[in-house]
Amino acid sequence: MYSRTIVMQSQIDGFIEPEGWTPFAGTFGLETLYFVEYQNRGPRANTDKRVTWKNYIKNPPQDVIAKFAPGVVLKGGDNTDGWVKKTGVPYEPGMMKM
């Protein structure tokens, strides 16, 4: 099993438990997961009590998080994000200014 989850620049409300993630049954998947939290806000955005899994990363450096900016993730077949802009959906290719 492989899991990649990036929660970045999001509102984390009070219904989220301080641990942030539901414990896995045993150790299945813990070696292959990749969970990241970056610049979140809200009552439960504090990561001090989050899980301590090996591949759970709190606030990684900018060069790591830049790989997950919308303009990078949403590139189409022509290797640009032009298709998103054509839809008329409000869109910013970079990270929000926080």
PDB file of N, CA and C in Angstrom:
ATOM      1  N   MET A   1       0.840  -1.182   0.000  1.00  0.00           N
ATOM      2  CA  MET A   1       0.000   0.000   0.000  1.00  0.00           C
ATOM      3  C   MET A   1       0.882   1.242   0.000  1.00  0.00           C
ATOM      4  N   TYR A   2       0.496   2.228  -0.772  1.00  0.00           N
ATOM      5  CA  TYR A   2       1.212   3.491  -0.781  1.00  0.00           C
ATOM      6  C   TYR A   2       0.181   4.602  -0.686  1.00  0.00           C
ATOM      7  N   SER A   3       0.449   5.553   0.167  1.00  0.00           N
ATOM      8  CA  SER A   3      -0.481   6.662   0.366  1.00  0.00           C
ATOM      9  C   SER A   3       0.288   7.969   0.394  1.00  0.00           C
ATOM     10  N   ARG A   4      -0.193   8.958  -0.354  1.00  0.00           N
ATOM     11  CA  ARG A   4       0.411  10.290  -0.343  1.00  0.00           C
ATOM     12  C   ARG A   4      -0.714  11.290  -0.095  1.00  0.00           C
ATOM     13  N   THR A   5      -0.600  12.029   0.996  1.00  0.00           N
ATOM     14  CA  THR A   5      -1.605  13.023   1.363  1.00  0.00           C
ATOM     15  C   THR A   5      -0.901  14.314   1.731  1.00  0.00           C
ATOM     16  N   ILE A   6      -1.309  15.406   1.095  1.00  0.00           N
ATOM     17  CA  ILE A   6      -0.741  16.722   1.370  1.00  0.00           C
ATOM     18  C   ILE A   6      -1.899  17.625   1.791  1.00  0.00           C
ATOM     19  N   VAL A   7      -1.853  18.137   3.007  1.00  0.00           N
ATOM     20  CA  VAL A   7      -2.852  19.101   3.471  1.00  0.00           C
ATOM     21  C   VAL A   7      -2.100  20.404   3.657  1.00  0.00           C
ATOM     22  N   MET A   8      -2.348  21.359   2.752  1.00  0.00           N
ATOM     23  CA  MET A   8      -1.568  22.594   2.812  1.00  0.00           C
ATOM     24  C   MET A   8      -2.463  23.814   2.666  1.00  0.00           C
ATOM     25  N   GLN A   9      -2.135  24.812   3.463  1.00  0.00           N
ATOM     26  CA  GLN A   9      -2.821  26.094   3.439  1.00  0.00           C
ATOM     27  C   GLN A   9      -4.338  25.903   3.502  1.00  0.00           C
ATOM     28  N   SER A  10      -4.765  25.053   4.430  1.00  0.00           N
ATOM     29  CA  SER A  10      -6.177  24.709   4.593  1.00  0.00           C
ATOM     30  C   SER A  10      -6.681  25.124   5.968  1.00  0.00           C
ATOM     31  N   GLN A  11      -7.996  25.249   6.080  1.00  0.00           N
ATOM     32  CA  GLN A  11      -8.649  25.525   7.357  1.00  0.00           C
ATOM     33  C   GLN A  11      -8.870  24.191   8.058  1.00  0.00           C
ATOM     34  N   ILE A  12      -8.293  24.018   9.252  1.00  0.00           N
ATOM     35  CA  ILE A  12      -8.461  22.790  10.028  1.00  0.00           C
ATOM     36  C   ILE A  12      -9.339  23.139  11.230  1.00  0.00           C
ATOM     37  N   ASP A  13     -10.589  22.733  11.187  1.00  0.00           N
ATOM     38  CA  ASP A  13     -11.550  23.118  12.222  1.00  0.00           C
ATOM     39  C   ASP A  13     -11.519  22.190  13.428  1.00  0.00           C
ATOM     40  N   GLY A  14     -12.317  22.545  14.434  1.00  0.00           N
ATOM     41  CA  GLY A  14     -12.308  21.877  15.726  1.00  0.00           C
ATOM     42  C   GLY A  14     -12.753  20.432  15.732  1.00  0.00           C
ATOM     43  N   PHE A  15     -13.408  19.957  14.687  1.00  0.00           N
ATOM     44  CA  PHE A  15     -13.853  18.558  14.684  1.00  0.00           C
ATOM     45  C   PHE A  15     -12.722  17.585  14.368  1.00  0.00           C
ATOM     46  N   ILE A  16     -11.560  18.087  13.965  1.00  0.00           N
ATOM     47  CA  ILE A  16     -10.385  17.243  13.721  1.00  0.00           C
ATOM     48  C   ILE A  16      -9.706  16.963  15.060  1.00  0.00           C
ATOM     49  N   GLU A  17      -9.403  15.712  15.315  1.00  0.00           N
ATOM     50  CA  GLU A  17      -8.715  15.343  16.554  1.00  0.00           C
ATOM     51  C   GLU A  17      -7.277  15.869  16.525  1.00  0.00           C
ATOM     52  N   PRO A  18      -6.698  16.190  17.688  1.00  0.00           N
ATOM     53  CA  PRO A  18      -5.323  16.716  17.729  1.00  0.00           C
ATOM     54  C   PRO A  18      -4.296  15.789  17.067  1.00  0.00           C
ATOM     55  N   GLU A  19      -4.535  14.468  17.106  1.00  0.00           N
ATOM     56  CA  GLU A  19      -3.601  13.518  16.488  1.00  0.00           C
ATOM     57  C   GLU A  19      -3.598  13.677  14.970  1.00  0.00           C
ATOM     58  N   GLY A  20      -4.696  14.167  14.422  1.00  0.00           N
ATOM     59  CA  GLY A  20      -4.778  14.464  13.001  1.00  0.00           C
ATOM     60  C   GLY A  20      -5.129  13.296  12.102  1.00  0.00           C
ATOM     61  N   TRP A  21      -4.716  12.100  12.451  1.00  0.00           N
ATOM     62  CA  TRP A  21      -4.918  10.937  11.594  1.00  0.00           C
ATOM     63  C   TRP A  21      -5.400   9.771  12.437  1.00  0.00           C
ATOM     64  N   THR A  22      -6.239   8.934  11.868  1.00  0.00           N
ATOM     65  CA  THR A  22      -6.708   7.740  12.559  1.00  0.00           C
ATOM     66  C   THR A  22      -5.571   6.729  12.596  1.00  0.00           C
ATOM     67  N   PRO A  23      -5.304   6.138  13.760  1.00  0.00           N
ATOM     68  CA  PRO A  23      -4.223   5.147  13.845  1.00  0.00           C
ATOM     69  C   PRO A  23      -4.472   3.963  12.911  1.00  0.00           C
ATOM     70  N   PHE A  24      -3.426   3.475  12.294  1.00  0.00           N
ATOM     71  CA  PHE A  24      -3.514   2.294  11.450  1.00  0.00           C
ATOM     72  C   PHE A  24      -3.634   1.061  12.340  1.00  0.00           C
ATOM     73  N   ALA A  25      -4.216  -0.010  11.811  1.00  0.00           N
ATOM     74  CA  ALA A  25      -4.265  -1.286  12.522  1.00  0.00           C
ATOM     75  C   ALA A  25      -2.893  -1.936  12.358  1.00  0.00           C
ATOM     76  N   GLY A  26      -2.134  -2.006  13.435  1.00  0.00           N
ATOM     77  CA  GLY A  26      -0.783  -2.546  13.356  1.00  0.00           C
ATOM     78  C   GLY A  26       0.145  -1.581  12.646  1.00  0.00           C
ATOM     79  N   THR A  27       1.085  -2.124  11.886  1.00  0.00           N
ATOM     80  CA  THR A  27       2.064  -1.280  11.192  1.00  0.00           C
ATOM     81  C   THR A  27       1.862  -1.276   9.680  1.00  0.00           C
ATOM     82  N   PHE A  28       0.796  -1.921   9.209  1.00  0.00           N
ATOM     83  CA  PHE A  28       0.544  -1.999   7.773  1.00  0.00           C
ATOM     84  C   PHE A  28       0.476  -0.605   7.158  1.00  0.00           C
ATOM     85  N   GLY A  29       1.302  -0.352   6.142  1.00  0.00           N
ATOM     86  CA  GLY A  29       1.284   0.906   5.417  1.00  0.00           C
ATOM     87  C   GLY A  29       2.130   2.019   6.002  1.00  0.00           C
ATOM     88  N   LEU A  30       2.607   1.868   7.218  1.00  0.00           N
ATOM     89  CA  LEU A  30       3.342   2.963   7.855  1.00  0.00           C
ATOM     90  C   LEU A  30       4.691   3.245   7.196  1.00  0.00           C
ATOM     91  N   GLU A  31       5.275   2.258   6.554  1.00  0.00           N
ATOM     92  CA  GLU A  31       6.569   2.457   5.897  1.00  0.00           C
ATOM     93  C   GLU A  31       6.428   3.105   4.523  1.00  0.00           C
ATOM     94  N   THR A  32       5.238   3.069   3.945  1.00  0.00           N
ATOM     95  CA  THR A  32       5.064   3.574   2.582  1.00  0.00           C
ATOM     96  C   THR A  32       4.159   4.798   2.491  1.00  0.00           C
ATOM     97  N   LEU A  33       3.682   5.302   3.607  1.00  0.00           N
ATOM     98  CA  LEU A  33       2.855   6.510   3.542  1.00  0.00           C
ATOM     99  C   LEU A  33       3.722   7.753   3.448  1.00  0.00           C
ATOM    100  N   TYR A  34       3.125   8.827   2.968  1.00  0.00           N
ATOM    101  CA  TYR A  34       3.783  10.129   2.885  1.00  0.00           C
ATOM    102  C   TYR A  34       2.704  11.157   3.177  1.00  0.00           C
ATOM    103  N   PHE A  35       2.660  11.641   4.404  1.00  0.00           N
ATOM    104  CA  PHE A  35       1.653  12.618   4.826  1.00  0.00           C
ATOM    105  C   PHE A  35       2.356  13.912   5.193  1.00  0.00           C
ATOM    106  N   VAL A  36       1.868  15.032   4.664  1.00  0.00           N
ATOM    107  CA  VAL A  36       2.477  16.341   4.884  1.00  0.00           C
ATOM    108  C   VAL A  36       1.406  17.339   5.315  1.00  0.00           C
ATOM    109  N   GLU A  37       1.743  18.196   6.266  1.00  0.00           N
ATOM    110  CA  GLU A  37       0.909  19.345   6.621  1.00  0.00           C
ATOM    111  C   GLU A  37       1.771  20.592   6.493  1.00  0.00           C
ATOM    112  N   TYR A  38       1.187  21.643   5.881  1.00  0.00           N
ATOM    113  CA  TYR A  38       1.958  22.852   5.609  1.00  0.00           C
ATOM    114  C   TYR A  38       1.079  24.092   5.692  1.00  0.00           C
ATOM    115  N   GLN A  39       1.449  25.018   6.537  1.00  0.00           N
ATOM    116  CA  GLN A  39       0.815  26.331   6.671  1.00  0.00           C
ATOM    117  C   GLN A  39      -0.705  26.273   6.766  1.00  0.00           C
ATOM    118  N   ASN A  40      -1.211  25.353   7.567  1.00  0.00           N
ATOM    119  CA  ASN A  40      -2.653  25.305   7.782  1.00  0.00           C
ATOM    120  C   ASN A  40      -3.039  26.298   8.863  1.00  0.00           C
ATOM    121  N   ARG A  41      -4.321  26.585   8.962  1.00  0.00           N
ATOM    122  CA  ARG A  41      -4.818  27.534   9.956  1.00  0.00           C
ATOM    123  C   ARG A  41      -6.102  26.969  10.558  1.00  0.00           C
ATOM    124  N   GLY A  42      -6.521  27.554  11.675  1.00  0.00           N
ATOM    125  CA  GLY A  42      -7.763  27.135  12.315  1.00  0.00           C
ATOM    126  C   GLY A  42      -7.506  26.499  13.664  1.00  0.00           C
ATOM    127  N   PRO A  43      -8.602  26.171  14.386  1.00  0.00           N
ATOM    128  CA  PRO A  43      -8.493  25.680  15.757  1.00  0.00           C
ATOM    129  C   PRO A  43      -7.681  24.392  15.921  1.00  0.00           C
ATOM    130  N   ARG A  44      -7.610  23.556  14.908  1.00  0.00           N
ATOM    131  CA  ARG A  44      -6.858  22.303  15.034  1.00  0.00           C
ATOM    132  C   ARG A  44      -5.685  22.218  14.065  1.00  0.00           C
ATOM    133  N   ALA A  45      -5.170  23.359  13.658  1.00  0.00           N
ATOM    134  CA  ALA A  45      -4.024  23.370  12.743  1.00  0.00           C
ATOM    135  C   ALA A  45      -2.703  23.105  13.457  1.00  0.00           C
ATOM    136  N   ASN A  46      -2.684  23.267  14.781  1.00  0.00           N
ATOM    137  CA  ASN A  46      -1.459  23.030  15.547  1.00  0.00           C
ATOM    138  C   ASN A  46      -1.060  21.562  15.418  1.00  0.00           C
ATOM    139  N   THR A  47       0.172  21.295  15.030  1.00  0.00           N
ATOM    140  CA  THR A  47       0.636  19.921  14.800  1.00  0.00           C
ATOM    141  C   THR A  47       1.405  19.326  15.977  1.00  0.00           C
ATOM    142  N   ASP A  48       1.455  20.016  17.107  1.00  0.00           N
ATOM    143  CA  ASP A  48       2.243  19.535  18.254  1.00  0.00           C
ATOM    144  C   ASP A  48       1.830  18.148  18.742  1.00  0.00           C
ATOM    145  N   LYS A  49       0.555  17.790  18.620  1.00  0.00           N
ATOM    146  CA  LYS A  49       0.073  16.497  19.130  1.00  0.00           C
ATOM    147  C   LYS A  49      -0.222  15.503  18.011  1.00  0.00           C
ATOM    148  N   ARG A  50       0.274  15.771  16.819  1.00  0.00           N
ATOM    149  CA  ARG A  50       0.020  14.880  15.694  1.00  0.00           C
ATOM    150  C   ARG A  50       0.746  13.549  15.873  1.00  0.00           C
ATOM    151  N   VAL A  51       0.381  12.604  15.031  1.00  0.00           N
ATOM    152  CA  VAL A  51       1.022  11.290  15.036  1.00  0.00           C
ATOM    153  C   VAL A  51       2.529  11.447  14.829  1.00  0.00           C
ATOM    154  N   THR A  52       3.274  10.437  15.174  1.00  0.00           N
ATOM    155  CA  THR A  52       4.741  10.498  15.052  1.00  0.00           C
ATOM    156  C   THR A  52       5.255   9.491  14.021  1.00  0.00           C
ATOM    157  N   TRP A  53       4.485   9.236  13.008  1.00  0.00           N
ATOM    158  CA  TRP A  53       4.891   8.293  11.980  1.00  0.00           C
ATOM    159  C   TRP A  53       6.138   8.788  11.260  1.00  0.00           C
ATOM    160  N   LYS A  54       6.943   7.846  10.831  1.00  0.00           N
ATOM    161  CA  LYS A  54       8.221   8.136  10.170  1.00  0.00           C
ATOM    162  C   LYS A  54       8.064   9.092   8.982  1.00  0.00           C
ATOM    163  N   ASN A  55       7.093   8.873   8.146  1.00  0.00           N
ATOM    164  CA  ASN A  55       6.934   9.678   6.936  1.00  0.00           C
ATOM    165  C   ASN A  55       5.815  10.709   7.042  1.00  0.00           C
ATOM    166  N   TYR A  56       5.502  11.126   8.260  1.00  0.00           N
ATOM    167  CA  TYR A  56       4.587  12.251   8.474  1.00  0.00           C
ATOM    168  C   TYR A  56       5.461  13.488   8.661  1.00  0.00           C
ATOM    169  N   ILE A  57       5.276  14.488   7.818  1.00  0.00           N
ATOM    170  CA  ILE A  57       6.156  15.659   7.807  1.00  0.00           C
ATOM    171  C   ILE A  57       5.356  16.911   8.132  1.00  0.00           C
ATOM    172  N   LYS A  58       5.807  17.630   9.147  1.00  0.00           N
ATOM    173  CA  LYS A  58       5.182  18.894   9.537  1.00  0.00           C
ATOM    174  C   LYS A  58       5.980  20.042   8.937  1.00  0.00           C
ATOM    175  N   ASN A  59       5.307  20.909   8.217  1.00  0.00           N
ATOM    176  CA  ASN A  59       5.922  22.118   7.663  1.00  0.00           C
ATOM    177  C   ASN A  59       7.278  21.870   7.004  1.00  0.00           C
ATOM    178  N   PRO A  60       7.282  21.138   5.892  1.00  0.00           N
ATOM    179  CA  PRO A  60       8.541  20.870   5.190  1.00  0.00           C
ATOM    180  C   PRO A  60       9.117  22.151   4.591  1.00  0.00           C
ATOM    181  N   PRO A  61      10.375  22.111   4.166  1.00  0.00           N
ATOM    182  CA  PRO A  61      10.978  23.296   3.548  1.00  0.00           C
ATOM    183  C   PRO A  61      10.276  23.655   2.232  1.00  0.00           C
ATOM    184  N   GLN A  62      10.424  24.895   1.837  1.00  0.00           N
ATOM    185  CA  GLN A  62       9.748  25.425   0.645  1.00  0.00           C
ATOM    186  C   GLN A  62      10.051  24.618  -0.614  1.00  0.00           C
ATOM    187  N   ASP A  63      11.277  24.123  -0.784  1.00  0.00           N
ATOM    188  CA  ASP A  63      11.600  23.374  -2.001  1.00  0.00           C
ATOM    189  C   ASP A  63      10.814  22.072  -2.095  1.00  0.00           C
ATOM    190  N   VAL A  64      10.462  21.492  -0.959  1.00  0.00           N
ATOM    191  CA  VAL A  64       9.651  20.268  -0.950  1.00  0.00           C
ATOM    192  C   VAL A  64       8.204  20.605  -1.283  1.00  0.00           C
ATOM    193  N   ILE A  65       7.640  21.597  -0.622  1.00  0.00           N
ATOM    194  CA  ILE A  65       6.226  21.926  -0.804  1.00  0.00           C
ATOM    195  C   ILE A  65       5.954  22.523  -2.184  1.00  0.00           C
ATOM    196  N   ALA A  66       6.947  23.150  -2.800  1.00  0.00           N
ATOM    197  CA  ALA A  66       6.758  23.749  -4.129  1.00  0.00           C
ATOM    198  C   ALA A  66       6.332  22.714  -5.168  1.00  0.00           C
ATOM    199  N   LYS A  67       6.686  21.451  -4.965  1.00  0.00           N
ATOM    200  CA  LYS A  67       6.299  20.381  -5.885  1.00  0.00           C
ATOM    201  C   LYS A  67       4.792  20.154  -5.902  1.00  0.00           C
ATOM    202  N   PHE A  68       4.101  20.658  -4.865  1.00  0.00           N
ATOM    203  CA  PHE A  68       2.668  20.421  -4.739  1.00  0.00           C
ATOM    204  C   PHE A  68       1.834  21.672  -4.988  1.00  0.00           C
ATOM    205  N   ALA A  69       2.447  22.736  -5.490  1.00  0.00           N
ATOM    206  CA  ALA A  69       1.706  23.953  -5.836  1.00  0.00           C
ATOM    207  C   ALA A  69       0.726  23.621  -6.965  1.00  0.00           C
ATOM    208  N   PRO A  70      -0.440  24.262  -6.991  1.00  0.00           N
ATOM    209  CA  PRO A  70      -1.433  23.947  -8.024  1.00  0.00           C
ATOM    210  C   PRO A  70      -0.892  23.998  -9.450  1.00  0.00           C
ATOM    211  N   GLY A  71      -0.069  24.983  -9.765  1.00  0.00           N
ATOM    212  CA  GLY A  71       0.460  25.109 -11.120  1.00  0.00           C
ATOM    213  C   GLY A  71       1.361  23.965 -11.530  1.00  0.00           C
ATOM    214  N   VAL A  72       1.930  23.272 -10.570  1.00  0.00           N
ATOM    215  CA  VAL A  72       2.779  22.108 -10.850  1.00  0.00           C
ATOM    216  C   VAL A  72       1.915  20.859 -10.975  1.00  0.00           C
ATOM    217  N   VAL A  73       1.029  20.659 -10.023  1.00  0.00           N
ATOM    218  CA  VAL A  73       0.198  19.453  -9.975  1.00  0.00           C
ATOM    219  C   VAL A  73      -0.796  19.396 -11.139  1.00  0.00           C
ATOM    220  N   LEU A  74      -1.298  20.546 -11.573  1.00  0.00           N
ATOM    221  CA  LEU A  74      -2.360  20.574 -12.581  1.00  0.00           C
ATOM    222  C   LEU A  74      -1.873  20.757 -14.015  1.00  0.00           C
ATOM    223  N   LYS A  75      -0.618  20.477 -14.274  1.00  0.00           N
ATOM    224  CA  LYS A  75      -0.116  20.572 -15.650  1.00  0.00           C
ATOM    225  C   LYS A  75      -0.772  19.500 -16.513  1.00  0.00           C
ATOM    226  N   GLY A  76      -1.154  19.893 -17.717  1.00  0.00           N
ATOM    227  CA  GLY A  76      -1.788  18.965 -18.640  1.00  0.00           C
ATOM    228  C   GLY A  76      -0.794  18.338 -19.593  1.00  0.00           C
ATOM    229  N   GLY A  77      -1.312  17.747 -20.671  1.00  0.00           N
ATOM    230  CA  GLY A  77      -0.486  17.060 -21.657  1.00  0.00           C
ATOM    231  C   GLY A  77       0.521  17.959 -22.346  1.00  0.00           C
ATOM    232  N   ASP A  78       0.219  19.260 -22.412  1.00  0.00           N
ATOM    233  CA  ASP A  78       1.167  20.185 -23.038  1.00  0.00           C
ATOM    234  C   ASP A  78       2.156  20.745 -22.020  1.00  0.00           C
ATOM    235  N   ASN A  79       2.156  20.168 -20.817  1.00  0.00           N
ATOM    236  CA  ASN A  79       3.061  20.549 -19.728  1.00  0.00           C
ATOM    237  C   ASN A  79       2.848  21.991 -19.254  1.00  0.00           C
ATOM    238  N   THR A  80       1.618  22.488 -19.415  1.00  0.00           N
ATOM    239  CA  THR A  80       1.265  23.799 -18.867  1.00  0.00           C
ATOM    240  C   THR A  80      -0.059  23.670 -18.119  1.00  0.00           C
ATOM    241  N   ASP A  81      -0.423  24.712 -17.414  1.00  0.00           N
ATOM    242  CA  ASP A  81      -1.707  24.716 -16.715  1.00  0.00           C
ATOM    243  C   ASP A  81      -2.765  25.503 -17.491  1.00  0.00           C
ATOM    244  N   GLY A  82      -2.529  25.724 -18.796  1.00  0.00           N
ATOM    245  CA  GLY A  82      -3.445  26.501 -19.619  1.00  0.00           C
ATOM    246  C   GLY A  82      -4.858  25.951 -19.649  1.00  0.00           C
ATOM    247  N   TRP A  83      -5.000  24.640 -19.573  1.00  0.00           N
ATOM    248  CA  TRP A  83      -6.326  24.033 -19.607  1.00  0.00           C
ATOM    249  C   TRP A  83      -7.175  24.482 -18.425  1.00  0.00           C
ATOM    250  N   VAL A  84      -6.559  24.699 -17.268  1.00  0.00           N
ATOM    251  CA  VAL A  84      -7.310  25.135 -16.091  1.00  0.00           C
ATOM    252  C   VAL A  84      -7.823  26.554 -16.321  1.00  0.00           C
ATOM    253  N   LYS A  85      -6.974  27.413 -16.809  1.00  0.00           N
ATOM    254  CA  LYS A  85      -7.350  28.811 -17.049  1.00  0.00           C
ATOM    255  C   LYS A  85      -8.503  28.913 -18.046  1.00  0.00           C
ATOM    256  N   LYS A  86      -8.532  28.036 -19.044  1.00  0.00           N
ATOM    257  CA  LYS A  86      -9.592  28.054 -20.055  1.00  0.00           C
ATOM    258  C   LYS A  86     -10.965  27.723 -19.472  1.00  0.00           C
ATOM    259  N   THR A  87     -11.013  27.042 -18.350  1.00  0.00           N
ATOM    260  CA  THR A  87     -12.302  26.667 -17.756  1.00  0.00           C
ATOM    261  C   THR A  87     -13.007  27.855 -17.121  1.00  0.00           C
ATOM    262  N   GLY A  88     -12.263  28.910 -16.796  1.00  0.00           N
ATOM    263  CA  GLY A  88     -12.855  30.060 -16.128  1.00  0.00           C
ATOM    264  C   GLY A  88     -12.957  29.904 -14.620  1.00  0.00           C
ATOM    265  N   VAL A  89     -12.497  28.791 -14.108  1.00  0.00           N
ATOM    266  CA  VAL A  89     -12.504  28.560 -12.661  1.00  0.00           C
ATOM    267  C   VAL A  89     -11.459  29.467 -12.021  1.00  0.00           C
ATOM    268  N   PRO A  90     -11.794  30.164 -10.928  1.00  0.00           N
ATOM    269  CA  PRO A  90     -10.780  30.982 -10.250  1.00  0.00           C
ATOM    270  C   PRO A  90      -9.588  30.107  -9.864  1.00  0.00           C
ATOM    271  N   TYR A  91      -8.403  30.570 -10.189  1.00  0.00           N
ATOM    272  CA  TYR A  91      -7.228  29.708 -10.057  1.00  0.00           C
ATOM    273  C   TYR A  91      -5.973  30.537  -9.858  1.00  0.00           C
ATOM    274  N   GLU A  92      -5.167  30.131  -8.917  1.00  0.00           N
ATOM    275  CA  GLU A  92      -3.844  30.717  -8.696  1.00  0.00           C
ATOM    276  C   GLU A  92      -2.835  29.581  -8.773  1.00  0.00           C
ATOM    277  N   PRO A  93      -1.850  29.650  -9.650  1.00  0.00           N
ATOM    278  CA  PRO A  93      -0.912  28.548  -9.810  1.00  0.00           C
ATOM    279  C   PRO A  93       0.086  28.384  -8.667  1.00  0.00           C
ATOM    280  N   GLY A  94       0.323  29.442  -7.920  1.00  0.00           N
ATOM    281  CA  GLY A  94       1.312  29.373  -6.842  1.00  0.00           C
ATOM    282  C   GLY A  94       0.671  29.182  -5.479  1.00  0.00           C
ATOM    283  N   MET A  95       1.494  29.284  -4.467  1.00  0.00           N
ATOM    284  CA  MET A  95       1.016  29.153  -3.094  1.00  0.00           C
ATOM    285  C   MET A  95       0.383  30.470  -2.648  1.00  0.00           C
ATOM    286  N   MET A  96      -0.552  30.382  -1.685  1.00  0.00           N
ATOM    287  CA  MET A  96      -1.153  31.589  -1.130  1.00  0.00           C
ATOM    288  C   MET A  96      -0.122  32.336  -0.302  1.00  0.00           C
ATOM    289  N   LYS A  97      -0.252  33.626  -0.243  1.00  0.00           N
ATOM    290  CA  LYS A  97       0.606  34.434   0.631  1.00  0.00           C
ATOM    291  C   LYS A  97       0.021  34.358   2.031  1.00  0.00           C
ATOM    292  N   MET A  98       0.783  33.824   2.961  1.00  0.00           N
ATOM    293  CA  MET A  98       0.264  33.622   4.320  1.00  0.00           C
ATOM    294  C   MET A  98       1.005  34.517   5.291  1.00  0.00           C
TER     295      MET A  98
END
